[in-house]
C-alpha atoms as a PDB file:
ATOM      1  CA  MET A   1     101.749 152.480 157.957  1.00  0.00           C
ATOM      2  CA  ALA A   2     101.976 149.884 161.200  1.00  0.00           C
ATOM      3  CA  ILE A   3     100.304 150.643 164.686  1.00  0.00           C
ATOM      4  CA  LEU A   4     101.804 149.071 167.219  1.00  0.00           C
ATOM      5  CA  LEU A   5     100.338 148.819 170.805  1.00  0.00           C
ATOM      6  CA  ASN A   6     103.392 149.152 173.216  1.00  0.00           C
ATOM      7  CA  SER A   7     105.682 147.664 170.349  1.00  0.00           C
ATOM      8  CA  ILE A   8     103.171 144.273 169.921  1.00  0.00           C
ATOM      9  CA  SER A   9     101.305 144.916 165.992  1.00  0.00           C
ATOM     10  CA  TYR A  10      97.548 145.933 165.960  1.00  0.00           C
ATOM     11  CA  ALA A  11      97.168 147.294 162.510  1.00  0.00           C
ATOM     12  CA  VAL A  12      98.227 147.494 159.347  1.00  0.00           C
ATOM     13  CA  MET A  13      96.596 150.602 157.389  1.00  0.00           C
ATOM     14  CA  MET A  14      96.998 152.953 154.583  1.00  0.00           C
ATOM     15  CA  ALA A  15      97.449 156.936 155.364  1.00  0.00           C
ATOM     16  CA  THR A  16      98.970 159.936 154.742  1.00  0.00           C
ATOM     17  CA  PRO A  17     102.644 159.983 156.060  1.00  0.00           C
ATOM     18  CA  ALA A  18     102.212 163.637 157.766  1.00  0.00           C
ATOM     19  CA  ASP A  19     101.260 164.059 161.542  1.00  0.00           C
ATOM     20  CA  LEU A  20     101.528 160.504 162.714  1.00  0.00           C
ATOM     21  CA  GLU A  21     102.168 161.122 166.009  1.00  0.00           C
ATOM     22  CA  ASP A  22      98.527 162.682 166.105  1.00  0.00           C
ATOM     23  CA  PHE A  23      97.411 159.773 164.413  1.00  0.00           C
ATOM     24  CA  GLY A  24      98.546 157.622 167.196  1.00  0.00           C
ATOM     25  CA  LEU A  25      97.321 159.244 169.716  1.00  0.00           C
ATOM     26  CA  GLY A  26      93.841 159.978 168.592  1.00  0.00           C
ATOM     27  CA  PHE A  27      93.633 156.438 166.980  1.00  0.00           C
ATOM     28  CA  VAL A  28      93.474 155.034 170.390  1.00  0.00           C
ATOM     29  CA  LEU A  29      91.264 157.577 171.747  1.00  0.00           C
ATOM     30  CA  SER A  30      88.746 157.494 169.205  1.00  0.00           C
ATOM     31  CA  GLU A  31      88.723 153.365 168.956  1.00  0.00           C
ATOM     32  CA  GLY A  32      88.538 153.303 172.665  1.00  0.00           C
ATOM     33  CA  LEU A  33      91.302 151.874 173.764  1.00  0.00           C
ATOM     34  CA  VAL A  34      91.865 154.274 176.464  1.00  0.00           C
ATOM     35  CA  ALA A  35      90.217 156.406 178.398  1.00  0.00           C
ATOM     36  CA  HIS A  36      92.150 159.959 178.206  1.00  0.00           C
ATOM     37  CA  HIS A  37      94.805 161.139 176.609  1.00  0.00           C
ATOM     38  CA  SER A  38      97.208 160.993 179.584  1.00  0.00           C
ATOM     39  CA  HIS A  39      96.876 157.435 179.427  1.00  0.00           C
ATOM     40  CA  VAL A  40      99.575 157.159 176.576  1.00  0.00           C
ATOM     41  CA  ARG A  41     103.148 157.164 177.695  1.00  0.00           C
ATOM     42  CA  ASN A  42     104.229 158.191 174.174  1.00  0.00           C
ATOM     43  CA  VAL A  43     103.898 157.657 170.681  1.00  0.00           C
ATOM     44  CA  ILE A  44     106.876 156.730 168.411  1.00  0.00           C
ATOM     45  CA  VAL A  45     107.113 157.068 164.634  1.00  0.00           C
ATOM     46  CA  LEU A  46     109.369 154.926 162.727  1.00  0.00           C
ATOM     47  CA  LYS A  47     110.942 155.214 159.137  1.00  0.00           C
ATOM     48  CA  GLN A  48     110.706 151.794 157.521  1.00  0.00           C
ATOM     49  CA  GLU A  49     111.489 150.514 154.673  1.00  0.00           C
ATOM     50  CA  GLN A  50     107.809 150.331 152.785  1.00  0.00           C
ATOM     51  CA  GLY A  51     106.505 152.865 155.249  1.00  0.00           C
ATOM     52  CA  PHE A  52     106.033 153.518 158.846  1.00  0.00           C
ATOM     53  CA  SER A  53     105.490 152.320 161.936  1.00  0.00           C
ATOM     54  CA  VAL A  54     103.559 154.222 164.701  1.00  0.00           C
ATOM     55  CA  ASP A  55     104.626 152.603 167.888  1.00  0.00           C
ATOM     56  CA  ILE A  56     102.250 153.567 171.121  1.00  0.00           C
ATOM     57  CA  ALA A  57     103.430 153.107 174.508  1.00  0.00           C
ATOM     58  CA  ILE A  58      99.867 152.878 177.304  1.00  0.00           C
ATOM     59  CA  ALA A  59     100.118 152.403 181.001  1.00  0.00           C
ATOM     60  CA  GLU A  60      99.312 148.423 181.115  1.00  0.00           C
ATOM     61  CA  ASP A  61      96.618 148.847 183.268  1.00  0.00           C
ATOM     62  CA  LYS A  62      95.230 151.717 181.946  1.00  0.00           C
ATOM     63  CA  LEU A  63      95.068 149.912 177.909  1.00  0.00           C
ATOM     64  CA  LEU A  64      90.985 148.554 177.735  1.00  0.00           C
ATOM     65  CA  ARG A  65      91.149 144.927 176.134  1.00  0.00           C
ATOM     66  CA  GLU A  66      88.633 144.466 175.610  1.00  0.00           C
ATOM     67  CA  ARG A  67      88.130 147.187 172.913  1.00  0.00           C
ATOM     68  CA  MET A  68      90.065 145.478 170.915  1.00  0.00           C
ATOM     69  CA  VAL A  69      89.530 144.251 167.933  1.00  0.00           C
ATOM     70  CA  SER A  70      90.101 141.240 165.987  1.00  0.00           C
ATOM     71  CA  ARG A  71      92.009 141.753 162.982  1.00  0.00           C
ATOM     72  CA  SER A  72      92.922 139.814 159.687  1.00  0.00           C
ATOM     73  CA  LEU A  73      94.516 141.008 157.434  1.00  0.00           C
ATOM     74  CA  GLU A  74      95.550 144.914 156.707  1.00  0.00           C
ATOM     75  CA  GLY A  75      93.199 147.823 156.518  1.00  0.00           C
ATOM     76  CA  ARG A  76      92.836 149.753 153.927  1.00  0.00           C
ATOM     77  CA  VAL A  77      92.249 153.297 153.227  1.00  0.00           C
ATOM     78  CA  GLY A  78      88.477 153.450 152.249  1.00  0.00           C
ATOM     79  CA  CYS A  79      86.436 152.640 155.560  1.00  0.00           C
ATOM     80  CA  GLY A  80      88.222 152.027 158.024  1.00  0.00           C
ATOM     81  CA  LEU A  81      86.730 148.660 158.921  1.00  0.00           C
ATOM     82  CA  CYS A  82      89.092 146.411 156.736  1.00  0.00           C
ATOM     83  CA  GLY A  83      90.435 143.485 158.349  1.00  0.00           C
ATOM     84  CA  ILE A  84      88.139 143.654 161.420  1.00  0.00           C
ATOM     85  CA  ALA A  85      87.005 139.887 161.591  1.00  0.00           C
ATOM     86  CA  GLU A  86      83.825 139.845 163.348  1.00  0.00           C
ATOM     87  CA  ILE A  87      80.838 141.413 162.319  1.00  0.00           C
ATOM     88  CA  GLU A  88      79.556 142.485 166.187  1.00  0.00           C
ATOM     89  CA  ASP A  89      83.352 144.319 166.568  1.00  0.00           C
ATOM     90  CA  ALA A  90      82.905 146.756 163.819  1.00  0.00           C
ATOM     91  CA  VAL A  91      79.745 148.606 165.547  1.00  0.00           C
ATOM     92  CA  ARG A  92      80.784 149.230 169.272  1.00  0.00           C
ATOM     93  CA  MET A  93      79.169 153.101 170.647  1.00  0.00           C
ATOM     94  CA  PRO A  94      79.568 153.914 173.979  1.00  0.00           C
ATOM     95  CA  ALA A  95      77.225 153.748 175.896  1.00  0.00           C
ATOM     96  CA  ALA A  96      76.642 156.960 177.350  1.00  0.00           C
ATOM     97  CA  LYS A  97      75.477 159.757 175.344  1.00  0.00           C
ATOM     98  CA  VAL A  98      77.394 163.155 174.729  1.00  0.00           C
ATOM     99  CA  ARG A  99      77.012 166.967 175.734  1.00  0.00           C
ATOM    100  CA  PRO A 100      75.583 168.714 173.357  1.00  0.00           C
ATOM    101  CA  VAL A 101      77.342 172.113 172.159  1.00  0.00           C
ATOM    102  CA  ARG A 102      75.655 175.222 170.350  1.00  0.00           C
ATOM    103  CA  PHE A 103      75.452 174.182 166.412  1.00  0.00           C
ATOM    104  CA  GLU A 104      74.276 175.999 164.366  1.00  0.00           C
ATOM    105  CA  THR A 105      73.722 176.910 160.203  1.00  0.00           C
ATOM    106  CA  THR A 106      75.495 179.699 160.334  1.00  0.00           C
ATOM    107  CA  ALA A 107      78.679 178.806 161.813  1.00  0.00           C
ATOM    108  CA  ILE A 108      78.222 175.906 160.118  1.00  0.00           C
ATOM    109  CA  ALA A 109      78.576 177.494 156.571  1.00  0.00           C
ATOM    110  CA  ARG A 110      80.883 180.224 157.915  1.00  0.00           C
ATOM    111  CA  ALA A 111      83.885 176.693 158.636  1.00  0.00           C
ATOM    112  CA  PHE A 112      83.128 175.280 155.330  1.00  0.00           C
ATOM    113  CA  ALA A 113      83.694 178.670 153.656  1.00  0.00           C
ATOM    114  CA  ALA A 114      86.664 178.857 155.620  1.00  0.00           C
ATOM    115  CA  LEU A 115      87.755 175.209 155.083  1.00  0.00           C
ATOM    116  CA  PRO A 116      89.910 175.520 151.963  1.00  0.00           C
ATOM    117  CA  LEU A 117      92.413 177.490 153.783  1.00  0.00           C
ATOM    118  CA  HIS A 118      93.210 174.887 155.735  1.00  0.00           C
ATOM    119  CA  GLN A 119      94.046 172.508 153.445  1.00  0.00           C
ATOM    120  CA  PRO A 120      97.717 172.850 152.303  1.00  0.00           C
ATOM    121  CA  MET A 121      97.876 169.195 150.967  1.00  0.00           C
ATOM    122  CA  ASN A 122      94.645 169.008 149.287  1.00  0.00           C
ATOM    123  CA  ALA A 123      95.332 172.765 147.285  1.00  0.00           C
ATOM    124  CA  VAL A 124      98.608 170.705 146.069  1.00  0.00           C
ATOM    125  CA  ASN A 125      96.736 166.806 144.877  1.00  0.00           C
ATOM    126  CA  ARG A 126      93.591 167.542 145.610  1.00  0.00           C
ATOM    127  CA  THR A 127      93.174 163.830 146.789  1.00  0.00           C
ATOM    128  CA  VAL A 128      93.209 163.966 150.409  1.00  0.00           C
ATOM    129  CA  HIS A 129      90.265 164.785 152.921  1.00  0.00           C
ATOM    130  CA  ALA A 130      90.563 167.363 156.383  1.00  0.00           C
ATOM    131  CA  ALA A 131      88.815 167.163 159.484  1.00  0.00           C
ATOM    132  CA  ALA A 132      88.991 170.484 161.617  1.00  0.00           C
ATOM    133  CA  PHE A 133      87.714 171.319 164.975  1.00  0.00           C
ATOM    134  CA  CYS A 134      85.923 174.728 164.529  1.00  0.00           C
ATOM    135  CA  SER A 135      84.503 176.942 168.084  1.00  0.00           C
ATOM    136  CA  VAL A 136      80.244 177.144 167.894  1.00  0.00           C
ATOM    137  CA  ASP A 137      80.982 180.667 165.663  1.00  0.00           C
ATOM    138  CA  GLY A 138      82.330 178.631 163.028  1.00  0.00           C
ATOM    139  CA  GLU A 139      86.151 179.518 163.328  1.00  0.00           C
ATOM    140  CA  ILE A 140      88.051 176.749 162.843  1.00  0.00           C
ATOM    141  CA  LEU A 141      90.821 176.441 165.276  1.00  0.00           C
ATOM    142  CA  LEU A 142      92.725 173.025 164.526  1.00  0.00           C
ATOM    143  CA  ALA A 143      92.765 170.955 161.016  1.00  0.00           C
ATOM    144  CA  ARG A 144      94.275 167.574 159.111  1.00  0.00           C
ATOM    145  CA  GLU A 145      94.635 166.412 156.466  1.00  0.00           C
ATOM    146  CA  ASP A 146      94.572 162.471 155.080  1.00  0.00           C
ATOM    147  CA  VAL A 147      93.341 160.383 152.357  1.00  0.00           C
ATOM    148  CA  GLY A 148      91.252 158.461 154.390  1.00  0.00           C
ATOM    149  CA  ARG A 149      88.541 160.649 156.411  1.00  0.00           C
ATOM    150  CA  HIS A 150      88.646 158.368 159.552  1.00  0.00           C
ATOM    151  CA  ASN A 151      92.354 158.972 159.635  1.00  0.00           C
ATOM    152  CA  ALA A 152      91.719 162.615 159.388  1.00  0.00           C
ATOM    153  CA  LEU A 153      89.683 162.406 162.483  1.00  0.00           C
ATOM    154  CA  ASP A 154      92.292 160.166 164.381  1.00  0.00           C
ATOM    155  CA  LYS A 155      94.426 163.240 163.573  1.00  0.00           C
ATOM    156  CA  LEU A 156      92.693 165.565 164.386  1.00  0.00           C
ATOM    157  CA  ILE A 157      91.697 164.158 168.020  1.00  0.00           C
ATOM    158  CA  GLY A 158      95.160 163.658 168.680  1.00  0.00           C
ATOM    159  CA  ALA A 159      96.166 167.526 167.597  1.00  0.00           C
ATOM    160  CA  MET A 160      93.129 168.294 169.793  1.00  0.00           C
ATOM    161  CA  ALA A 161      94.009 166.125 172.682  1.00  0.00           C
ATOM    162  CA  ARG A 162      98.190 167.750 172.784  1.00  0.00           C
ATOM    163  CA  ALA A 163      96.587 171.325 172.432  1.00  0.00           C
ATOM    164  CA  GLY A 164      94.129 171.133 175.298  1.00  0.00           C
ATOM    165  CA  LEU A 165      91.511 171.563 173.212  1.00  0.00           C
ATOM    166  CA  THR A 166      87.930 170.057 174.891  1.00  0.00           C
ATOM    167  CA  PRO A 167      84.963 168.646 172.636  1.00  0.00           C
ATOM    168  CA  ASP A 168      82.211 171.178 174.152  1.00  0.00           C
ATOM    169  CA  ARG A 169      84.275 173.901 172.818  1.00  0.00           C
ATOM    170  CA  GLY A 170      82.690 173.527 169.130  1.00  0.00           C
ATOM    171  CA  PHE A 171      82.444 171.107 166.534  1.00  0.00           C
ATOM    172  CA  VAL A 172      83.909 168.867 163.800  1.00  0.00           C
ATOM    173  CA  LEU A 173      84.060 169.872 160.314  1.00  0.00           C
ATOM    174  CA  MET A 174      84.785 167.316 157.257  1.00  0.00           C
ATOM    175  CA  SER A 175      85.696 167.701 153.971  1.00  0.00           C
ATOM    176  CA  SER A 176      83.776 163.780 153.655  1.00  0.00           C
ATOM    177  CA  ARG A 177      80.530 162.155 153.487  1.00  0.00           C
ATOM    178  CA  CYS A 178      79.378 160.906 157.190  1.00  0.00           C
ATOM    179  CA  SER A 179      79.767 157.292 157.138  1.00  0.00           C
ATOM    180  CA  PHE A 180      78.953 155.698 160.469  1.00  0.00           C
ATOM    181  CA  GLU A 181      82.221 155.402 162.022  1.00  0.00           C
ATOM    182  CA  LEU A 182      82.618 158.792 161.792  1.00  0.00           C
ATOM    183  CA  VAL A 183      79.682 159.224 164.243  1.00  0.00           C
ATOM    184  CA  GLN A 184      81.235 156.208 166.257  1.00  0.00           C
ATOM    185  CA  LYS A 185      85.062 158.029 166.021  1.00  0.00           C
ATOM    186  CA  CYS A 186      83.533 161.415 167.696  1.00  0.00           C
ATOM    187  CA  ALA A 187      81.336 159.736 170.462  1.00  0.00           C
ATOM    188  CA  HIS A 188      83.961 157.963 171.879  1.00  0.00           C
ATOM    189  CA  VAL A 189      85.768 160.907 172.213  1.00  0.00           C
ATOM    190  CA  GLY A 190      82.710 163.241 173.731  1.00  0.00           C
ATOM    191  CA  LEU A 191      82.575 165.287 170.305  1.00  0.00           C
ATOM    192  CA  SER A 192      79.213 166.003 169.877  1.00  0.00           C
ATOM    193  CA  ALA A 193      78.188 167.762 166.882  1.00  0.00           C
ATOM    194  CA  LEU A 194      80.247 166.589 163.636  1.00  0.00           C
ATOM    195  CA  ALA A 195      79.091 168.697 160.022  1.00  0.00           C
ATOM    196  CA  THR A 196      80.022 166.871 156.472  1.00  0.00           C
ATOM    197  CA  ILE A 197      80.001 167.544 152.899  1.00  0.00           C
ATOM    198  CA  SER A 198      77.385 165.259 152.259  1.00  0.00           C
ATOM    199  CA  ALA A 199      74.098 163.790 154.293  1.00  0.00           C
ATOM    200  CA  PRO A 200      74.417 160.550 156.901  1.00  0.00           C
ATOM    201  CA  THR A 201      74.110 157.331 155.537  1.00  0.00           C
ATOM    202  CA  ALA A 202      71.108 155.575 157.555  1.00  0.00           C
ATOM    203  CA  LEU A 203      73.548 153.499 160.078  1.00  0.00           C
ATOM    204  CA  ALA A 204      75.643 157.118 160.906  1.00  0.00           C
ATOM    205  CA  LEU A 205      72.191 158.547 161.861  1.00  0.00           C
ATOM    206  CA  LYS A 206      70.924 156.189 163.759  1.00  0.00           C
ATOM    207  CA  LEU A 207      73.836 155.711 165.646  1.00  0.00           C
ATOM    208  CA  ALA A 208      73.956 159.454 166.108  1.00  0.00           C
ATOM    209  CA  ARG A 209      70.749 159.176 167.476  1.00  0.00           C
ATOM    210  CA  GLY A 210      71.118 156.850 169.774  1.00  0.00           C
ATOM    211  CA  ALA A 211      74.728 158.938 171.126  1.00  0.00           C
ATOM    212  CA  GLY A 212      73.185 162.067 171.307  1.00  0.00           C
ATOM    213  CA  LEU A 213      75.507 163.582 168.441  1.00  0.00           C
ATOM    214  CA  GLN A 214      74.180 166.168 166.247  1.00  0.00           C
ATOM    215  CA  LEU A 215      74.757 165.667 162.420  1.00  0.00           C
ATOM    216  CA  ALA A 216      74.715 168.261 159.697  1.00  0.00           C
ATOM    217  CA  ALA A 217      75.823 168.712 155.848  1.00  0.00           C
ATOM    218  CA  LEU A 218      75.967 170.731 152.998  1.00  0.00           C
ATOM    219  CA  ALA A 219      72.641 171.690 151.084  1.00  0.00           C
ATOM    220  CA  HIS A 220      71.557 173.179 147.488  1.00  0.00           C
ATOM    221  CA  ASP A 221      70.590 175.737 149.127  1.00  0.00           C
ATOM    222  CA  GLY A 222      73.145 176.161 151.964  1.00  0.00           C
ATOM    223  CA  VAL A 223      73.248 174.147 155.519  1.00  0.00           C
ATOM    224  CA  MET A 224      71.134 170.920 156.966  1.00  0.00           C
ATOM    225  CA  ILE A 225      71.426 169.787 160.357  1.00  0.00           C
ATOM    226  CA  PHE A 226      69.055 167.141 161.382  1.00  0.00           C
ATOM    227  CA  ASP A 227      67.481 166.858 164.376  1.00  0.00           C
ATOM    228  CA  GLY A 228      68.265 163.147 165.166  1.00  0.00           C
ATOM    229  CA  ASP A 229      64.943 161.207 164.093  1.00  0.00           C
ATOM    230  CA  GLU A 230      65.432 158.137 162.078  1.00  0.00           C
ATOM    231  CA  SER A 231      63.884 160.454 158.773  1.00  0.00           C
ATOM    232  CA  GLY A 232      66.619 162.954 159.213  1.00  0.00           C
ATOM    233  CA  ARG A 233      64.196 166.264 158.926  1.00  0.00           C
ATOM    234  CA  VAL A 234      66.163 169.336 159.754  1.00  0.00           C
END
């Protein structure tokens, strides 16, 4: 899938070819390329011989060019970082902290129990991740799937913007491990709580702590909420 900004090529990535309009919008929001979804005029998806192109039209005076990173080769599905040419471009957290929301183990457990019902693709092929936005009570309000966890999150962020769901209404739930780029994407759009299948990496926890973002993961005896310090106490 080729990502174009105002018809100029920006990156090539592997992705599941579904909800690509959501992906295009979510990508520019989570990468900090625009400050608000209203700055995106349109997202056009075109079928190509080898895949798809997603052309994202952005008002020129709203495109945050200082956020654009140099990519030297195609981005593959694994981490969302492939192709970034400079190491300092890998970690680019926003300066402001996110606003906290209520984040409780019972709500997280309820959402995890319901997640399979919102994974129709995974029910067939068992190969894709899900990202879901949940109310503070654990009701899944919206979900998207993709073979890449960061792509699934981008699709969810785009779908939330299109549906008018604001970050302060709940938390994000993901069927993947908690890597730092997920924390970074959440922080850029104001999502302040993220629950994943496995515990966060050290870098993910460090960045979450700095951004005021709450993290949680499944544990042997239920749900673990990290308090945000370096030890990851619960």
